[in-house]
């Protein structure tokens, strides 16, 4: 006797759920091996070509092919790979062809239907939409791989707010699966990336990529908890308010009583996204390449979170920082070691640079003849935004990079958030046409931290007064 149709469908769903992680892993590895293999073939072919221009043309063609394949991987698998596209889509870390292709993915995560958003908000706050909001815009003002944001107005206070919603169902759509175990599938993606990282660092890249993926795993878990993000927002907002007569940047105020792991309601701040700043200047008759624009850009460049999608320009000159899902507090010993490194880089102190790297567990595979110089140059590439004269792109993985001369065997996981911030900040300053050293800007703050910890007895440079901090951030 044949099974009822409902039971047949249930059986299919169970089998699909059981094999989905294997299917997803297979999709990743087939694509990853294809991309990697095509580059190894190109490497072999160019080895037989003597003409340098011809070799460069072959590599440019390969980068175009690789960029399209990587775009397909990130866009079709979604989720975690959209985050990877955001990191790789930068001139510091990828070929130009990759940057042009991947940058289009950074803000194009699929939006979740309003019915799903409504259902989650109502369940989280145990009230109907009509009881909470006067209006709620259907189209999101922002959509990312884990959450999306809608503008709304609270009925109780008539206040315009931004409603950030993190949905398991929304994540399912991003991952292109209709399955409540989307977080588990994201962990499958992490494990696959970690395995690939181990392979690459063993055979091709002299860098501790595995530690980077371990830190990424922690950061992804952070982003699933809006309660943690709300605490970070309030802590930073209070610190800036106490430390300065006028806060140097604006941090949205969290609405009390409207916080949960899946929904976060904060004040809505109207502003111009920094990526649209040049267009806005042109509309107002300001030359984006002029001195006035350069001064404004420099003030913005020294803000804390440099990701362009997280910065709004408000009231003509004020900066607002959005999204605190990946805020991280470093352990005290690591924080002080990094402060020491900042001073070493700012002062061009090669010996102090080596000592600082050793202090926070930075280990190398090989040592070049000019060890101090190579370690110093590697530190600048990873932890400062400074660029040599005439250079606009400084990749840690370039052929002439110190990374190829001094292989990094071990790198502290906690510092990858700092490394990513520096790379984003450098990309922002290059995009704005600025030359800027964050180490030199941060030196007074680093000295203050070491002074308070009793690591140094005096400060040669000026200590960071409140007015200095106000200009700095």
Protein backbone atom coordinates (compact mmCIF):
# COMPACT_ATOMS: atom_id res chain seq x y z
CA UNK A 1 0.00 0.00 0.00
CA UNK A 2 1.55 3.32 -1.05
CA UNK A 3 2.32 5.95 1.62
CA UNK A 4 0.08 9.01 1.86
CA UNK A 5 1.39 12.06 -0.02
CA UNK A 6 1.98 13.99 3.23
CA UNK A 7 4.18 11.23 4.64
CA UNK A 8 6.13 11.01 1.40
CA UNK A 9 6.79 14.75 1.52
CA UNK A 10 7.82 14.56 5.19
CA UNK A 11 10.25 11.75 4.37
CA UNK A 12 11.74 13.80 1.53
CA UNK A 13 12.16 16.79 3.86
CA UNK A 14 13.95 14.69 6.47
CA UNK A 15 16.32 13.23 3.89
CA UNK A 16 16.93 16.70 2.46
CA UNK A 17 17.72 18.09 5.92
CA UNK A 18 20.11 15.23 6.65
CA UNK A 19 22.05 15.57 3.41
CA UNK A 20 21.95 19.38 3.08
CA UNK A 21 25.26 19.96 4.96
CA UNK A 22 26.96 17.39 2.70
CA UNK A 23 25.45 18.97 -0.39
CA UNK A 24 26.55 22.44 0.68
CA UNK A 25 30.06 21.23 1.44
CA UNK A 26 30.25 19.60 -1.98
CA UNK A 27 29.19 22.84 -3.66
CA UNK A 28 31.91 24.77 -1.83
CA UNK A 29 34.72 22.31 -2.53
CA UNK A 30 33.88 21.88 -6.21
CA UNK A 31 34.00 25.66 -6.68
CA UNK A 32 37.04 26.22 -4.45
CA UNK A 33 39.06 23.51 -6.19
CA UNK A 34 38.04 24.93 -9.57
CA UNK A 35 39.25 28.44 -8.63
CA UNK A 36 42.46 27.18 -7.03
CA UNK A 37 43.19 24.77 -9.85
CA UNK A 38 42.77 27.42 -12.54
CA UNK A 39 45.34 29.63 -10.79
CA UNK A 40 47.84 26.77 -10.45
CA UNK A 41 47.45 26.00 -14.16
CA UNK A 42 48.04 29.67 -14.98
CA UNK A 43 51.11 29.66 -12.72
CA UNK A 44 52.46 26.65 -14.61
CA UNK A 45 51.76 28.18 -18.05
CA UNK A 46 53.34 31.53 -17.23
CA UNK A 47 56.46 29.73 -16.08
CA UNK A 48 57.20 28.89 -19.73
CA UNK A 49 56.68 32.49 -20.95
CA UNK A 50 59.72 34.76 -20.99
CA UNK A 51 58.07 38.00 -22.06
CA UNK A 52 56.98 39.95 -18.95
CA UNK A 53 54.11 41.80 -20.66
CA UNK A 54 52.72 38.54 -22.00
CA UNK A 55 52.89 37.00 -18.53
CA UNK A 56 51.07 39.97 -17.04
CA UNK A 57 48.37 39.72 -19.71
CA UNK A 58 47.92 36.03 -18.91
CA UNK A 59 47.55 36.80 -15.21
CA UNK A 60 45.07 39.61 -15.90
CA UNK A 61 42.96 37.22 -17.93
CA UNK A 62 43.16 34.65 -15.14
CA UNK A 63 42.10 37.25 -12.56
CA UNK A 64 39.04 38.07 -14.66
CA UNK A 65 38.11 34.38 -14.82
CA UNK A 66 38.82 33.90 -11.10
CA UNK A 67 36.79 36.98 -10.19
CA UNK A 68 33.73 35.66 -12.02
CA UNK A 69 34.03 32.25 -10.39
CA UNK A 70 34.46 33.78 -6.94
CA UNK A 71 31.47 36.07 -7.55
CA UNK A 72 29.35 33.04 -8.44
CA UNK A 73 30.48 31.17 -5.32
CA UNK A 74 29.72 34.08 -2.97
CA UNK A 75 26.44 35.15 -4.57
CA UNK A 76 24.96 31.66 -4.99
CA UNK A 77 26.02 30.20 -1.63
CA UNK A 78 25.39 33.52 0.17
CA UNK A 79 25.51 33.85 3.96
CA UNK A 80 29.07 33.63 5.25
CA UNK A 81 30.45 33.96 1.72
CA UNK A 82 28.88 37.40 1.38
CA UNK A 83 31.01 38.34 4.39
CA UNK A 84 34.04 36.87 2.63
CA UNK A 85 33.26 38.97 -0.45
CA UNK A 86 33.15 42.06 1.75
CA UNK A 87 36.63 41.30 3.11
CA UNK A 88 38.18 40.22 -0.19
CA UNK A 89 36.62 43.02 -2.23
CA UNK A 90 39.43 45.43 -1.37
CA UNK A 91 42.50 46.50 -3.37
CA UNK A 92 44.73 45.63 -0.39
CA UNK A 93 43.83 41.95 -0.48
CA UNK A 94 42.75 41.02 -3.99
CA UNK A 95 43.51 41.69 -7.68
CA UNK A 96 41.71 44.62 -9.29
CA UNK A 97 39.40 42.32 -11.26
CA UNK A 98 38.29 40.65 -8.02
CA UNK A 99 37.71 43.98 -6.31
CA UNK A 100 35.52 45.31 -9.13
CA UNK A 101 33.45 42.12 -9.19
CA UNK A 102 33.12 41.39 -5.48
CA UNK A 103 32.42 44.93 -4.32
CA UNK A 104 29.02 44.71 -6.00
CA UNK A 105 28.04 41.94 -3.56
CA UNK A 106 28.75 43.83 -0.35
CA UNK A 107 25.38 45.55 -0.05
CA UNK A 108 23.19 43.27 -2.14
CA UNK A 109 22.00 40.64 0.28
CA UNK A 110 18.43 39.57 -0.51
CA UNK A 111 15.77 41.21 1.64
CA UNK A 112 13.34 39.26 3.78
CA UNK A 113 9.57 39.52 3.09
CA UNK A 114 7.75 41.98 5.36
CA UNK A 115 5.44 39.20 6.57
CA UNK A 116 8.43 37.39 8.07
CA UNK A 117 9.73 40.60 9.66
CA UNK A 118 6.32 41.33 11.17
CA UNK A 119 6.02 37.83 12.60
CA UNK A 120 9.42 37.93 14.30
CA UNK A 121 8.95 41.43 15.77
CA UNK A 122 5.54 40.56 17.16
CA UNK A 123 6.80 37.34 18.72
CA UNK A 124 9.83 39.05 20.27
CA UNK A 125 7.84 41.89 21.86
CA UNK A 126 4.53 40.02 22.42
CA UNK A 127 2.58 42.84 20.76
CA UNK A 128 1.00 43.42 17.39
CA UNK A 129 2.61 45.71 14.81
CA UNK A 130 -0.25 48.20 15.18
CA UNK A 131 0.34 48.46 18.93
CA UNK A 132 4.05 49.19 18.46
CA UNK A 133 4.34 51.34 15.33
CA UNK A 134 2.55 54.27 13.71
CA UNK A 135 4.17 53.22 10.45
CA UNK A 136 6.75 50.68 9.34
CA UNK A 137 8.44 51.02 5.95
CA UNK A 138 8.19 47.84 3.92
CA UNK A 139 11.41 48.38 1.98
CA UNK A 140 14.49 47.96 4.20
CA UNK A 141 16.99 50.82 4.39
CA UNK A 142 19.74 48.21 4.61
CA UNK A 143 20.05 44.49 4.09
CA UNK A 144 23.07 42.36 4.97
CA UNK A 145 23.90 38.68 5.24
CA UNK A 146 22.57 38.29 8.79
CA UNK A 147 20.12 41.13 9.40
CA UNK A 148 18.18 43.92 7.75
CA UNK A 149 17.04 47.34 8.94
CA UNK A 150 13.68 49.09 8.50
CA UNK A 151 12.66 52.64 9.30
CA UNK A 152 9.60 52.97 11.54
CA UNK A 153 7.89 55.32 14.00
CA UNK A 154 7.00 54.27 17.53
CA UNK A 155 3.40 54.79 18.52
CA UNK A 156 4.25 55.42 22.18
CA UNK A 157 6.75 58.27 21.68
CA UNK A 158 6.24 59.33 18.05
CA UNK A 159 9.98 58.76 17.59
CA UNK A 160 11.48 57.64 14.29
CA UNK A 161 13.51 54.49 14.84
CA UNK A 162 15.62 51.96 12.98
CA UNK A 163 14.43 48.39 13.53
CA UNK A 164 17.18 45.83 13.01
CA UNK A 165 15.84 42.32 12.56
CA UNK A 166 17.84 39.11 12.61
CA UNK A 167 15.82 36.14 11.48
CA UNK A 168 16.57 32.48 11.17
CA UNK A 169 14.19 32.53 8.25
CA UNK A 170 15.95 35.55 6.79
CA UNK A 171 19.26 33.76 7.05
CA UNK A 172 17.71 30.72 5.41
CA UNK A 173 16.84 32.87 2.42
CA UNK A 174 20.36 34.25 2.25
CA UNK A 175 21.75 30.72 2.37
CA UNK A 176 19.14 29.72 -0.21
CA UNK A 177 17.62 27.05 2.00
CA UNK A 178 14.28 26.81 3.72
CA UNK A 179 15.57 25.22 6.90
CA UNK A 180 15.56 26.28 10.58
CA UNK A 181 19.14 25.01 11.00
CA UNK A 182 20.70 27.86 9.03
CA UNK A 183 23.11 28.71 11.82
CA UNK A 184 24.34 25.11 11.75
CA UNK A 185 24.92 25.40 8.00
CA UNK A 186 26.91 28.56 8.56
CA UNK A 187 29.14 26.57 10.90
CA UNK A 188 29.53 23.99 8.11
CA UNK A 189 30.77 26.84 5.91
CA UNK A 190 33.21 27.92 8.62
CA UNK A 191 34.63 24.39 8.94
CA UNK A 192 35.08 24.15 5.16
CA UNK A 193 36.84 27.51 5.06
CA UNK A 194 39.10 26.46 7.92
CA UNK A 195 40.08 23.28 6.11
CA UNK A 196 40.82 25.24 2.93
CA UNK A 197 42.82 27.80 4.94
CA UNK A 198 44.98 25.01 6.40
CA UNK A 199 45.63 23.71 2.89
CA UNK A 200 46.57 27.14 1.52
CA UNK A 201 48.91 28.04 4.36
CA UNK A 202 50.66 24.68 4.02
CA UNK A 203 51.26 24.85 0.28
CA UNK A 204 50.89 28.44 -0.99
CA UNK A 205 50.61 31.27 1.54
CA UNK A 206 53.11 31.92 4.32
CA UNK A 207 50.52 33.18 6.74
CA UNK A 208 48.45 31.79 9.62
CA UNK A 209 45.12 31.82 7.77
CA UNK A 210 43.61 29.23 10.10
CA UNK A 211 43.69 31.63 13.06
CA UNK A 212 41.89 34.18 10.87
CA UNK A 213 39.05 31.74 10.23
CA UNK A 214 38.88 30.90 13.96
CA UNK A 215 38.40 34.57 14.76
CA UNK A 216 35.79 34.82 11.99
CA UNK A 217 33.90 31.99 13.70
CA UNK A 218 33.78 34.01 16.94
CA UNK A 219 32.70 37.17 15.15
CA UNK A 220 29.85 35.40 13.36
CA UNK A 221 28.56 34.16 16.72
CA UNK A 222 28.70 37.74 18.04
CA UNK A 223 26.51 38.97 15.20
CA UNK A 224 23.73 36.57 16.12
CA UNK A 225 23.23 38.32 19.48
CA UNK A 226 21.63 41.78 19.36
CA UNK A 227 21.61 42.03 23.17
CA UNK A 228 25.41 41.99 23.08
CA UNK A 229 25.43 44.57 20.29
CA UNK A 230 23.11 46.87 22.25
CA UNK A 231 25.40 46.71 25.29
CA UNK A 232 28.39 47.59 23.10
CA UNK A 233 26.54 50.55 21.58
CA UNK A 234 25.57 51.97 24.94
CA UNK A 235 29.05 51.47 26.36
CA UNK A 236 30.72 53.26 23.44
CA UNK A 237 28.12 56.01 23.43
CA UNK A 238 28.65 56.66 27.13
CA UNK A 239 32.44 56.60 26.80
CA UNK A 240 32.37 59.19 24.03
CA UNK A 241 29.94 61.36 25.99
CA UNK A 242 32.01 61.29 29.18
CA UNK A 243 35.37 61.74 27.43
CA UNK A 244 34.35 64.75 25.34
CA UNK A 245 32.33 67.92 25.84
CA UNK A 246 30.88 67.26 22.42
CA UNK A 247 30.96 63.62 21.24
CA UNK A 248 33.25 63.36 18.20
CA UNK A 249 30.93 60.92 16.45
CA UNK A 250 27.27 60.06 16.89
CA UNK A 251 26.19 56.64 18.14
CA UNK A 252 22.49 55.76 17.79
CA UNK A 253 20.61 55.56 21.09
CA UNK A 254 19.14 52.16 21.90
CA UNK A 255 15.42 52.28 22.74
CA UNK A 256 14.94 50.84 26.28
CA UNK A 257 12.75 47.75 26.47
CA UNK A 258 13.03 47.07 22.75
CA UNK A 259 16.03 44.77 22.69
CA UNK A 260 16.16 41.02 22.13
CA UNK A 261 18.53 38.55 20.54
CA UNK A 262 16.69 38.87 17.22
CA UNK A 263 15.38 42.47 17.21
CA UNK A 264 17.15 45.72 18.09
CA UNK A 265 15.36 49.08 17.97
CA UNK A 266 17.44 52.27 18.00
CA UNK A 267 16.95 55.91 17.09
CA UNK A 268 16.91 56.64 13.38
CA UNK A 269 19.61 59.06 12.24
CA UNK A 270 19.24 60.77 8.88
CA UNK A 271 22.45 61.20 6.93
CA UNK A 272 24.38 60.74 3.72
CA UNK A 273 26.25 57.45 3.30
CA UNK A 274 29.96 58.17 3.04
CA UNK A 275 30.07 56.33 -0.29
CA UNK A 276 27.76 59.05 -1.69
CA UNK A 277 29.78 61.91 -0.19
CA UNK A 278 31.38 63.09 -3.44
CA UNK A 279 28.02 63.25 -5.21
CA UNK A 280 26.52 65.18 -2.31
CA UNK A 281 29.42 67.66 -2.34
CA UNK A 282 28.96 68.24 -6.05
CA UNK A 283 25.25 68.95 -5.53
CA UNK A 284 26.18 71.62 -2.97
CA UNK A 285 28.77 73.26 -5.20
CA UNK A 286 31.82 71.87 -3.34
CA UNK A 287 34.72 70.56 -5.38
CA UNK A 288 35.26 66.95 -4.16
CA UNK A 289 38.96 67.38 -5.00
CA UNK A 290 39.33 70.78 -3.33
CA UNK A 291 40.93 71.79 -0.02
CA UNK A 292 37.63 72.05 1.86
CA UNK A 293 36.66 68.53 0.81
CA UNK A 294 40.13 67.25 1.73
CA UNK A 295 39.81 68.65 5.26
CA UNK A 296 36.40 67.04 5.70
CA UNK A 297 37.64 63.71 4.37
CA UNK A 298 40.61 63.72 6.75
CA UNK A 299 38.32 64.33 9.71
CA UNK A 300 36.17 61.39 8.63
CA UNK A 301 39.11 59.10 7.92
CA UNK A 302 40.21 59.10 11.54
CA UNK A 303 36.83 57.86 12.75
CA UNK A 304 36.75 54.54 14.59
CA UNK A 305 34.88 52.02 12.39
CA UNK A 306 36.06 52.52 8.83
CA UNK A 307 33.70 50.27 6.88
CA UNK A 308 32.02 52.63 4.34
CA UNK A 309 28.62 51.04 4.84
CA UNK A 310 28.75 51.91 8.54
CA UNK A 311 29.35 55.66 8.22
CA UNK A 312 26.78 58.40 7.70
CA UNK A 313 27.52 62.10 7.35
CA UNK A 314 24.95 64.16 9.29
CA UNK A 315 24.39 67.90 9.71
CA UNK A 316 26.97 68.57 6.97
CA UNK A 317 30.06 67.56 9.01
CA UNK A 318 29.14 65.12 11.80
CA UNK A 319 29.84 61.41 11.40
CA UNK A 320 27.53 58.68 12.66
CA UNK A 321 28.83 55.15 13.14
CA UNK A 322 26.40 52.27 12.61
CA UNK A 323 26.52 48.53 13.28
CA UNK A 324 28.28 47.34 16.43
CA UNK A 325 27.80 43.61 15.89
CA UNK A 326 31.54 42.93 15.73
CA UNK A 327 32.74 45.16 18.55
CA UNK A 328 35.52 43.35 20.37
CA UNK A 329 37.39 44.08 23.61
CA UNK A 330 40.97 42.83 23.56
CA UNK A 331 42.56 41.18 26.61
CA UNK A 332 44.57 43.66 28.68
CA UNK A 333 48.00 42.15 27.94
CA UNK A 334 47.31 42.09 24.20
CA UNK A 335 45.93 45.63 24.27
CA UNK A 336 49.09 46.96 25.90
CA UNK A 337 51.33 44.98 23.53
CA UNK A 338 49.48 46.52 20.60
CA UNK A 339 49.80 49.99 22.14
CA UNK A 340 53.55 49.39 22.29
CA UNK A 341 53.54 48.38 18.62
CA UNK A 342 51.64 51.54 17.66
CA UNK A 343 54.34 53.69 19.28
CA UNK A 344 57.09 51.64 17.61
CA UNK A 345 55.55 52.11 14.16
CA UNK A 346 54.92 55.81 14.71
CA UNK A 347 58.56 56.33 15.79
CA UNK A 348 60.04 54.04 13.11
CA UNK A 349 61.60 52.05 15.96
CA UNK A 350 62.60 48.72 14.42
CA UNK A 351 63.82 47.01 17.60
CA UNK A 352 60.73 48.03 19.58
CA UNK A 353 58.60 46.68 16.72
CA UNK A 354 60.24 43.26 16.99
CA UNK A 355 59.82 43.24 20.78
CA UNK A 356 56.14 44.18 20.49
CA UNK A 357 55.43 41.46 17.94
CA UNK A 358 57.11 38.88 20.18
CA UNK A 359 55.10 40.12 23.17
CA UNK A 360 51.74 39.31 21.64
CA UNK A 361 52.79 35.90 20.25
CA UNK A 362 53.69 36.78 16.66
CA UNK A 363 55.92 33.94 15.35
CA UNK A 364 57.67 33.57 12.00
CA UNK A 365 58.81 30.57 9.98
CA UNK A 366 61.90 32.17 8.49
CA UNK A 367 64.08 35.15 9.22
CA UNK A 368 65.55 37.30 6.45
CA UNK A 369 69.07 38.71 6.57
CA UNK A 370 67.68 42.15 7.40
CA UNK A 371 65.28 40.77 10.00
CA UNK A 372 64.39 44.04 11.77
CA UNK A 373 63.62 45.90 8.56
CA UNK A 374 61.43 43.10 7.16
CA UNK A 375 59.48 42.74 10.43
CA UNK A 376 58.97 46.49 10.53
CA UNK A 377 57.73 46.63 6.92
CA UNK A 378 55.41 43.68 7.56
CA UNK A 379 54.02 45.48 10.63
CA UNK A 380 53.30 48.59 8.58
CA UNK A 381 51.51 46.54 5.93
CA UNK A 382 49.31 44.87 8.53
CA UNK A 383 48.87 47.48 11.27
CA UNK A 384 49.29 50.94 9.76
CA UNK A 385 47.61 52.81 6.92
CA UNK A 386 50.87 54.46 5.86
CA UNK A 387 51.77 54.10 2.17
CA UNK A 388 55.17 54.62 0.55
CA UNK A 389 55.39 57.62 -1.84
CA UNK A 390 53.70 56.90 -5.17
CA UNK A 391 52.06 53.67 -3.92
CA UNK A 392 48.26 53.40 -3.82
CA UNK A 393 47.87 49.66 -3.19
CA UNK A 394 49.83 47.77 -0.55
CA UNK A 395 48.93 44.10 -0.48
CA UNK A 396 50.29 41.76 2.22
CA UNK A 397 50.29 38.99 -0.41
CA UNK A 398 52.10 40.83 -3.23
CA UNK A 399 55.20 39.25 -4.76
CA UNK A 400 57.46 41.87 -3.17
CA UNK A 401 55.73 41.73 0.20
CA UNK A 402 57.66 41.13 3.41
CA UNK A 403 55.15 38.33 4.02
CA UNK A 404 56.89 36.27 1.35
CA UNK A 405 60.25 36.86 3.04
CA UNK A 406 59.13 36.41 6.65
CA UNK A 407 56.43 33.74 6.85
CA UNK A 408 53.94 34.18 9.69
CA UNK A 409 53.62 30.89 11.54
CA UNK A 410 51.42 32.08 14.41
CA UNK A 411 49.18 35.13 14.72
CA UNK A 412 46.93 35.96 17.73
CA UNK A 413 43.29 35.39 16.80
CA UNK A 414 42.17 38.45 18.78
CA UNK A 415 44.25 40.76 16.58
CA UNK A 416 42.52 39.83 13.34
CA UNK A 417 39.73 42.28 14.14
CA UNK A 418 42.42 44.97 14.40
CA UNK A 419 44.03 43.78 11.16
CA UNK A 420 40.69 43.90 9.34
CA UNK A 421 39.97 47.39 10.70
CA UNK A 422 43.34 48.67 9.49
CA UNK A 423 42.82 47.20 6.02
CA UNK A 424 39.34 48.74 5.80
CA UNK A 425 40.67 52.07 7.02
CA UNK A 426 43.47 52.04 4.47
CA UNK A 427 40.99 51.24 1.72
CA UNK A 428 38.81 54.14 2.86
CA UNK A 429 41.67 56.64 2.94
CA UNK A 430 42.97 55.52 -0.46
CA UNK A 431 39.46 55.82 -1.88
CA UNK A 432 39.22 59.34 -0.49
CA UNK A 433 42.61 60.31 -1.90
CA UNK A 434 44.32 60.74 1.49
CA UNK A 435 47.72 59.78 2.85
CA UNK A 436 47.30 58.94 6.48
CA UNK A 437 49.14 57.03 9.25
CA UNK A 438 46.82 55.70 11.94
CA UNK A 439 49.85 54.77 14.08
CA UNK A 440 50.96 58.40 14.22
CA UNK A 441 47.41 59.53 15.06
CA UNK A 442 46.97 56.87 17.73
CA UNK A 443 50.41 57.28 19.35
CA UNK A 444 49.25 59.68 22.14
CA UNK A 445 46.42 57.32 23.08
CA UNK A 446 48.81 54.35 23.10
CA UNK A 447 51.20 56.28 25.35
CA UNK A 448 48.34 57.13 27.70
CA UNK A 449 47.37 53.45 27.95
CA UNK A 450 50.93 52.37 28.75
CA UNK A 451 51.34 55.21 31.25
CA UNK A 452 48.21 54.19 33.17
CA UNK A 453 49.38 50.58 33.20
CA UNK A 454 52.76 51.59 34.62
CA UNK A 455 54.59 50.37 31.53
CA UNK A 456 56.22 53.75 30.94
CA UNK A 457 57.09 56.55 33.39
CA UNK A 458 56.70 59.57 31.17
CA UNK A 459 55.35 60.58 27.80
CA UNK A 460 57.56 62.36 25.32
CA UNK A 461 54.75 63.44 23.01
CA UNK A 462 51.70 65.38 24.05
CA UNK A 463 49.14 63.38 26.00
CA UNK A 464 45.66 63.09 24.45
CA UNK A 465 43.60 65.90 25.88
CA UNK A 466 39.86 65.98 25.38
CA UNK A 467 40.19 68.47 22.55
CA UNK A 468 42.73 66.17 20.89
CA UNK A 469 40.42 63.18 21.25
CA UNK A 470 37.61 65.22 19.79
CA UNK A 471 39.68 65.96 16.70
CA UNK A 472 41.02 62.43 16.52
CA UNK A 473 37.80 60.44 16.29
